[in-house]
Every structure is written in C-alpha cells, then in structure tokens.
Amino acid sequence: MNHRAEKVVRINDWVKTLPDGEPFVFVVGCFAHGVIQDDYVDEMVSVSEYELSASVVLGKICCAFEDFWGVL
C-alpha cells in the first residue's frame, strides 16, 4: 500500500473483493523517502489520498477485516 498508488480504494469495500480461501499479504510502505520495490506485488493500492503513518494504515486494514468478518 502506497499513498502514491494510482488506485485509491475504500478499504472496507476492497477487502470484500479479495479471493476467498486464498492467502494474501499486505506490503505497507513505512518510510519517509524512497519508493517501494514493487516487483513482487500483484496490485498496488492506496487507502487514502493523503500520506498516513504505517500504524494508521495497518489500523485501517485491521478494522476493515473486523467489519468483513463480523468481529465485535
């Protein structure tokens, strides 16, 4: 996930599109300068049009899966 990615998604909607029953990995950029080496990434998305800290992005991912899985 990179705030410079061309595709900005609503994370709660996006997690619903992930393949059911298949493992997946999130790569979260957490550095002030440079770019992510994305040669091993299938899809690059951003969860915001603004720069966010890695902890905020990871929190958004966790909350999206909690909603998706119905965790209270």
C-alpha atoms as a PDB file:
ATOM      1  CA  MET A   1       0.000   0.000   0.000  1.00  0.00           C
ATOM      2  CA  ASN A   2       1.385   3.300  -1.064  1.00  0.00           C
ATOM      3  CA  HIS A   3      -0.167   6.763  -0.992  1.00  0.00           C
ATOM      4  CA  ARG A   4       1.370   7.324  -4.435  1.00  0.00           C
ATOM      5  CA  ALA A   5      -0.517   4.400  -5.961  1.00  0.00           C
ATOM      6  CA  GLU A   6      -2.805   5.363  -8.813  1.00  0.00           C
ATOM      7  CA  LYS A   7      -5.662   3.284  -7.403  1.00  0.00           C
ATOM      8  CA  VAL A   8      -7.240   4.742  -4.253  1.00  0.00           C
ATOM      9  CA  VAL A   9      -9.728   2.384  -2.594  1.00  0.00           C
ATOM     10  CA  ARG A  10     -12.191   2.359   0.268  1.00  0.00           C
ATOM     11  CA  ILE A  11     -10.503  -0.379   2.243  1.00  0.00           C
ATOM     12  CA  ASN A  12     -13.775  -1.727   3.697  1.00  0.00           C
ATOM     13  CA  ASP A  13     -15.117  -2.314   0.178  1.00  0.00           C
ATOM     14  CA  TRP A  14     -11.797  -3.504  -1.247  1.00  0.00           C
ATOM     15  CA  VAL A  15     -11.268  -6.354   1.252  1.00  0.00           C
ATOM     16  CA  LYS A  16     -14.583  -7.835   0.067  1.00  0.00           C
ATOM     17  CA  THR A  17     -13.063  -8.292  -3.408  1.00  0.00           C
ATOM     18  CA  LEU A  18     -10.130 -10.423  -2.228  1.00  0.00           C
ATOM     19  CA  PRO A  19     -10.224 -14.066  -3.381  1.00  0.00           C
ATOM     20  CA  ASP A  20     -11.998 -16.276  -0.858  1.00  0.00           C
ATOM     21  CA  GLY A  21      -9.862 -19.028   0.626  1.00  0.00           C
ATOM     22  CA  GLU A  22      -6.575 -17.764  -0.819  1.00  0.00           C
ATOM     23  CA  PRO A  23      -3.741 -16.359   1.284  1.00  0.00           C
ATOM     24  CA  PHE A  24      -2.731 -12.755   0.738  1.00  0.00           C
ATOM     25  CA  VAL A  25      -0.040 -10.412   2.008  1.00  0.00           C
ATOM     26  CA  PHE A  26      -0.103  -6.662   2.537  1.00  0.00           C
ATOM     27  CA  VAL A  27       3.041  -4.658   1.906  1.00  0.00           C
ATOM     28  CA  VAL A  28       2.801  -1.340   3.730  1.00  0.00           C
ATOM     29  CA  GLY A  29       5.323   1.352   2.905  1.00  0.00           C
ATOM     30  CA  CYS A  30       6.592   2.881   6.135  1.00  0.00           C
ATOM     31  CA  PHE A  31       9.467   5.126   5.259  1.00  0.00           C
ATOM     32  CA  ALA A  32       9.840   8.852   4.768  1.00  0.00           C
ATOM     33  CA  HIS A  33      11.768   8.795   1.497  1.00  0.00           C
ATOM     34  CA  GLY A  34      12.143   6.447  -1.432  1.00  0.00           C
ATOM     35  CA  VAL A  35       9.806   4.116  -3.230  1.00  0.00           C
ATOM     36  CA  ILE A  36       8.595   0.614  -2.586  1.00  0.00           C
ATOM     37  CA  GLN A  37      10.199  -2.098  -4.709  1.00  0.00           C
ATOM     38  CA  ASP A  38       7.015  -3.490  -6.197  1.00  0.00           C
ATOM     39  CA  ASP A  39       8.357  -6.226  -8.464  1.00  0.00           C
ATOM     40  CA  TYR A  40       6.786  -8.839  -6.148  1.00  0.00           C
ATOM     41  CA  VAL A  41       3.452  -7.008  -5.710  1.00  0.00           C
ATOM     42  CA  ASP A  42       0.366  -8.095  -7.698  1.00  0.00           C
ATOM     43  CA  GLU A  43      -1.672  -4.952  -7.066  1.00  0.00           C
ATOM     44  CA  MET A  44      -0.731  -1.604  -5.557  1.00  0.00           C
ATOM     45  CA  VAL A  45      -3.462   0.434  -3.916  1.00  0.00           C
ATOM     46  CA  SER A  46      -3.754   3.349  -1.543  1.00  0.00           C
ATOM     47  CA  VAL A  47      -6.270   3.696   1.283  1.00  0.00           C
ATOM     48  CA  SER A  48      -6.066   7.494   1.261  1.00  0.00           C
ATOM     49  CA  GLU A  49      -5.202  10.401  -0.973  1.00  0.00           C
ATOM     50  CA  TYR A  50      -3.040  11.676   1.877  1.00  0.00           C
ATOM     51  CA  GLU A  51       0.149  10.412   3.484  1.00  0.00           C
ATOM     52  CA  LEU A  52      -0.634   8.265   6.506  1.00  0.00           C
ATOM     53  CA  SER A  53       1.637   6.638   9.038  1.00  0.00           C
ATOM     54  CA  ALA A  54       2.104   2.894   8.782  1.00  0.00           C
ATOM     55  CA  SER A  55       0.276   2.420  12.097  1.00  0.00           C
ATOM     56  CA  VAL A  56      -2.803   4.241  10.772  1.00  0.00           C
ATOM     57  CA  VAL A  57      -2.804   2.181   7.558  1.00  0.00           C
ATOM     58  CA  LEU A  58      -2.447  -1.073   9.496  1.00  0.00           C
ATOM     59  CA  GLY A  59      -5.267   0.020  11.812  1.00  0.00           C
ATOM     60  CA  LYS A  60      -7.496   0.697   8.803  1.00  0.00           C
ATOM     61  CA  ILE A  61      -6.684  -2.759   7.394  1.00  0.00           C
ATOM     62  CA  CYS A  62      -7.453  -4.463  10.722  1.00  0.00           C
ATOM     63  CA  CYS A  63     -10.739  -2.573  11.131  1.00  0.00           C
ATOM     64  CA  ALA A  64     -11.780  -3.432   7.576  1.00  0.00           C
ATOM     65  CA  PHE A  65     -11.254  -7.139   8.231  1.00  0.00           C
ATOM     66  CA  GLU A  66     -13.051  -6.913  11.582  1.00  0.00           C
ATOM     67  CA  ASP A  67     -16.071  -5.476   9.764  1.00  0.00           C
ATOM     68  CA  PHE A  68     -15.797  -8.036   6.961  1.00  0.00           C
ATOM     69  CA  TRP A  69     -15.566 -10.990   9.356  1.00  0.00           C
ATOM     70  CA  GLY A  70     -18.198  -9.579  11.741  1.00  0.00           C
ATOM     71  CA  VAL A  71     -15.863  -9.245  14.720  1.00  0.00           C
ATOM     72  CA  LEU A  72     -17.477  -7.213  17.508  1.00  0.00           C
END
